[in-house]
Amino acid sequence: MKNYYDPFNILRGKKEYKGEPPGTIAYTGQYVDVEVKIECYEYNKDEITIKNVSEIDNEFNQDMTYWFNIIGLNNADLIKSIGEKFCMHHMDVEDIVHVSQWSKIEVKRDYIFSILKMIYLNEKKIIHEHLGILQKDNIVITFQETPGDVFDEIRERLKEGKGQIRDKGSDYLFYTLLDALIDQYFIIINHISTDFKQLEMKILENDIQHKEKIYEMRKELVYLFCFW
């Protein structure tokens, strides 16, 4: 029997933490060897500073907007410390590292928190990645599993001062990140649609060897629409 690739079964290959109470901060994904890095974008209309940092400081200039992008979710102490620093609910902090959590956007008293599935193409291969976003005051923090994402255009706009992004605050940055994710979903849909059309022609030509590819693509669609 064939062992078909199944992106919908996100529990397959996931680390298990049995008997631990709710709120336990333990990464459940497969990217356990990713070196954790923190990118920091500090900017306003007139200037921008881009640097890598080892931790998120407690002092912030209220005239600036901050975007901290955390790459790698396997450092439980770091994730926990960020949650405490920004007074996040412990269940939200848990959702950052639990990759089986479904997509959501929640407006809390002091912050906005979202869990999303970042899906994009890498050399024609569809990549699925768990993503958390925190927006509070003049700060946005993104939590992603691996290097590589859909935010490069946003980075360029920040560097070059293009559009409105440097004129506006963290709420606009939060919106821009969501917009980039949604745009990529449509790219994935078009990619799968094109593949389907090609397979349909091969099936009409009685080329049945492509049935495995059809199965894989069906699972990609299930994953995409269930977690959107």
Protein backbone atom coordinates (compact mmCIF):
# COMPACT_ATOMS: atom_id res chain seq x y z
CA MET A 1 0.00 0.00 0.00
CA LYS A 2 1.32 3.43 -0.91
CA ASN A 3 2.25 5.84 1.89
CA TYR A 4 0.63 8.94 0.40
CA TYR A 5 1.75 12.39 1.51
CA ASP A 6 -1.05 13.88 3.59
CA PRO A 7 -0.69 17.56 4.61
CA PHE A 8 -4.08 17.49 6.35
CA ASN A 9 -2.84 15.04 8.95
CA ILE A 10 -0.87 17.62 10.90
CA LEU A 11 -0.72 15.33 13.91
CA ARG A 12 1.47 12.82 12.06
CA GLY A 13 5.05 13.09 13.18
CA LYS A 14 4.16 15.57 15.91
CA LYS A 15 5.85 15.32 19.26
CA GLU A 16 3.51 14.20 22.03
CA TYR A 17 3.28 15.68 25.51
CA LYS A 18 1.00 13.42 27.48
CA GLY A 19 -0.23 14.27 30.94
CA GLU A 20 0.90 17.90 30.88
CA PRO A 21 -1.57 20.54 32.06
CA PRO A 22 -3.16 23.22 29.84
CA GLY A 23 -0.83 26.16 29.30
CA THR A 24 2.28 24.01 28.97
CA ILE A 25 4.77 25.73 26.67
CA ALA A 26 6.18 22.92 24.54
CA TYR A 27 6.68 23.12 20.79
CA THR A 28 4.76 20.32 19.03
CA GLY A 29 6.00 20.83 15.48
CA GLN A 30 8.69 19.09 13.46
CA TYR A 31 11.24 21.91 13.13
CA VAL A 32 13.00 21.19 16.40
CA ASP A 33 16.51 21.92 15.09
CA VAL A 34 15.86 25.44 13.78
CA GLU A 35 18.23 28.01 15.27
CA VAL A 36 16.06 30.62 16.98
CA LYS A 37 16.59 34.18 15.74
CA ILE A 38 14.83 37.48 16.39
CA GLU A 39 14.66 40.13 13.66
CA CYS A 40 13.87 43.65 14.86
CA TYR A 41 12.48 46.44 12.68
CA GLU A 42 12.25 49.75 14.56
CA TYR A 43 10.83 52.55 12.44
CA ASN A 44 8.79 55.68 11.96
CA LYS A 45 8.14 57.96 8.99
CA ASP A 46 11.67 59.38 8.98
CA GLU A 47 13.96 56.50 9.92
CA ILE A 48 14.33 52.75 10.31
CA THR A 49 16.74 50.46 12.15
CA ILE A 50 17.01 46.77 11.27
CA LYS A 51 18.96 44.40 13.47
CA ASN A 52 19.04 40.93 15.00
CA VAL A 53 18.60 40.77 18.77
CA SER A 54 18.91 38.01 21.36
CA GLU A 55 15.88 39.13 23.37
CA ILE A 56 13.11 41.72 23.40
CA ASP A 57 13.92 44.63 25.71
CA ASN A 58 11.48 46.22 28.12
CA GLU A 59 12.00 49.80 26.94
CA PHE A 60 10.32 51.08 23.78
CA ASN A 61 10.30 54.50 22.17
CA GLN A 62 6.67 55.57 21.85
CA ASP A 63 7.53 57.54 18.70
CA MET A 64 8.59 54.34 16.93
CA THR A 65 6.83 51.21 15.70
CA TYR A 66 8.43 47.83 16.37
CA TRP A 67 8.20 44.55 14.47
CA PHE A 68 9.90 41.58 16.10
CA ASN A 69 9.95 38.48 13.89
CA ILE A 70 10.88 35.34 15.82
CA ILE A 71 12.13 32.47 13.67
CA GLY A 72 11.99 29.10 15.42
CA LEU A 73 9.56 28.07 18.15
CA ASN A 74 11.59 25.42 19.95
CA ASN A 75 12.92 27.71 22.71
CA ALA A 76 10.22 27.38 25.35
CA ASP A 77 11.93 29.75 27.79
CA LEU A 78 12.03 32.54 25.19
CA ILE A 79 8.37 32.11 24.21
CA LYS A 80 7.30 31.99 27.85
CA SER A 81 9.31 35.12 28.72
CA ILE A 82 7.72 37.05 25.84
CA GLY A 83 4.27 35.98 26.99
CA GLU A 84 5.00 37.21 30.51
CA LYS A 85 6.57 40.46 29.29
CA PHE A 86 3.51 41.40 27.25
CA CYS A 87 0.97 40.05 29.74
CA MET A 88 -0.44 37.45 27.38
CA HIS A 89 -2.92 34.85 28.56
CA HIS A 90 -1.15 31.56 29.16
CA MET A 91 -3.45 29.76 26.71
CA ASP A 92 -2.45 32.19 23.95
CA VAL A 93 1.21 31.53 24.67
CA GLU A 94 0.51 27.80 24.46
CA ASP A 95 -1.16 28.24 21.06
CA ILE A 96 2.01 29.84 19.68
CA VAL A 97 3.89 26.55 19.99
CA HIS A 98 1.04 24.05 19.47
CA VAL A 99 0.90 23.62 15.71
CA SER A 100 -2.44 21.77 15.78
CA GLN A 101 -4.23 24.97 16.85
CA TRP A 102 -6.69 26.16 14.21
CA SER A 103 -6.61 29.66 12.75
CA LYS A 104 -8.22 32.44 14.79
CA ILE A 105 -8.10 36.15 15.52
CA GLU A 106 -8.97 37.27 19.05
CA VAL A 107 -9.33 40.82 20.35
CA LYS A 108 -8.32 40.87 24.00
CA ARG A 109 -8.50 43.75 26.43
CA ASP A 110 -4.87 44.81 25.90
CA TYR A 111 -3.85 43.16 22.64
CA ILE A 112 -4.87 41.39 19.46
CA PHE A 113 -3.69 37.82 19.00
CA SER A 114 -3.99 35.55 15.99
CA ILE A 115 -2.98 32.07 14.95
CA LEU A 116 -2.75 31.47 11.21
CA LYS A 117 -1.40 28.94 8.75
CA MET A 118 1.22 30.42 6.46
CA ILE A 119 1.15 28.54 3.16
CA TYR A 120 3.49 29.37 0.29
CA LEU A 121 5.45 27.93 -2.61
CA ASN A 122 9.13 27.08 -2.42
CA GLU A 123 10.47 25.76 -5.75
CA LYS A 124 6.96 24.54 -6.66
CA LYS A 125 6.61 22.70 -3.34
CA ILE A 126 3.80 23.82 -1.03
CA ILE A 127 5.10 24.72 2.45
CA HIS A 128 2.82 24.77 5.50
CA GLU A 129 3.92 26.76 8.54
CA HIS A 130 2.31 27.61 11.88
CA LEU A 131 2.29 31.35 12.57
CA GLY A 132 1.34 33.44 15.59
CA ILE A 133 0.94 37.24 15.56
CA LEU A 134 0.69 39.54 18.59
CA GLN A 135 -0.19 43.23 18.22
CA LYS A 136 -0.04 45.44 21.29
CA ASP A 137 0.50 49.19 21.59
CA ASN A 138 3.24 50.12 19.09
CA ILE A 139 4.56 46.56 18.77
CA VAL A 140 3.92 43.57 16.50
CA ILE A 141 5.52 40.20 17.17
CA THR A 142 5.38 37.36 14.66
CA PHE A 143 6.24 33.80 15.65
CA GLN A 144 7.14 31.44 12.80
CA GLU A 145 8.56 27.93 12.69
CA THR A 146 11.29 28.17 10.05
CA PRO A 147 13.24 30.69 7.96
CA GLY A 148 11.38 31.73 4.84
CA ASP A 149 7.95 33.33 4.73
CA VAL A 150 5.63 35.57 2.68
CA PHE A 151 6.78 38.88 4.19
CA ASP A 152 9.74 39.84 2.00
CA GLU A 153 7.73 42.48 0.14
CA ILE A 154 6.75 44.06 3.46
CA ARG A 155 10.40 44.12 4.50
CA GLU A 156 11.31 45.90 1.27
CA ARG A 157 8.54 48.46 1.73
CA LEU A 158 9.80 49.18 5.21
CA LYS A 159 13.42 49.52 4.07
CA GLU A 160 12.58 51.75 1.12
CA GLY A 161 9.80 53.71 2.82
CA LYS A 162 7.34 52.79 0.06
CA GLY A 163 3.59 53.18 0.48
CA GLN A 164 1.94 54.06 3.79
CA ILE A 165 3.52 51.43 6.02
CA ARG A 166 6.12 53.71 7.68
CA ASP A 167 3.54 56.50 8.12
CA LYS A 168 1.19 54.34 10.16
CA GLY A 169 1.34 52.36 13.38
CA SER A 170 1.43 48.75 14.48
CA ASP A 171 -2.25 48.19 13.65
CA TYR A 172 -1.52 48.90 9.99
CA LEU A 173 1.49 46.57 10.11
CA PHE A 174 -0.73 43.85 11.56
CA TYR A 175 -3.21 44.36 8.73
CA THR A 176 -0.41 44.31 6.13
CA LEU A 177 0.91 40.98 7.43
CA LEU A 178 -2.56 39.44 7.21
CA ASP A 179 -2.98 40.81 3.70
CA ALA A 180 0.28 39.19 2.61
CA LEU A 181 -0.88 35.83 3.96
CA ILE A 182 -4.23 36.02 2.14
CA ASP A 183 -2.57 37.03 -1.13
CA GLN A 184 -0.41 33.92 -0.92
CA TYR A 185 -3.49 31.71 -0.45
CA PHE A 186 -4.75 32.83 -3.85
CA ILE A 187 -1.37 32.04 -5.40
CA ILE A 188 -1.60 28.53 -3.93
CA ILE A 189 -5.16 28.10 -5.24
CA ASN A 190 -4.07 29.14 -8.74
CA HIS A 191 -1.10 26.78 -8.55
CA ILE A 192 -3.30 23.82 -7.61
CA SER A 193 -5.90 24.79 -10.22
CA THR A 194 -3.23 24.78 -12.94
CA ASP A 195 -1.99 21.37 -11.84
CA PHE A 196 -5.55 20.03 -11.88
CA LYS A 197 -6.08 21.17 -15.45
CA GLN A 198 -2.88 19.47 -16.54
CA LEU A 199 -3.85 16.25 -14.77
CA GLU A 200 -7.33 16.30 -16.27
CA MET A 201 -5.84 16.26 -19.74
CA LYS A 202 -3.56 13.36 -18.84
CA ILE A 203 -6.47 11.42 -17.38
CA LEU A 204 -8.46 11.96 -20.56
CA GLU A 205 -5.49 10.48 -22.38
CA ASN A 206 -5.77 7.40 -20.07
CA ASP A 207 -2.53 8.21 -18.29
CA ILE A 208 -3.63 6.70 -14.95
CA GLN A 209 -0.19 6.83 -13.33
CA HIS A 210 -1.01 10.34 -12.08
CA LYS A 211 -3.69 9.16 -9.64
CA GLU A 212 -1.25 9.51 -6.73
CA LYS A 213 -0.70 13.18 -7.59
CA ILE A 214 -4.47 13.72 -7.64
CA TYR A 215 -4.71 12.28 -4.15
CA GLU A 216 -1.97 14.60 -2.88
CA MET A 217 -3.61 17.66 -4.42
CA ARG A 218 -6.99 16.79 -2.92
CA LYS A 219 -5.37 16.68 0.51
CA GLU A 220 -3.72 20.06 -0.11
CA LEU A 221 -7.13 21.55 -0.86
CA VAL A 222 -8.66 20.04 2.28
CA TYR A 223 -5.84 21.45 4.37
CA LEU A 224 -6.08 24.88 2.76
CA PHE A 225 -9.80 25.36 3.20
CA CYS A 226 -10.04 23.81 6.67
CA PHE A 227 -7.36 26.06 8.16
CA TRP A 228 -8.10 29.23 6.17
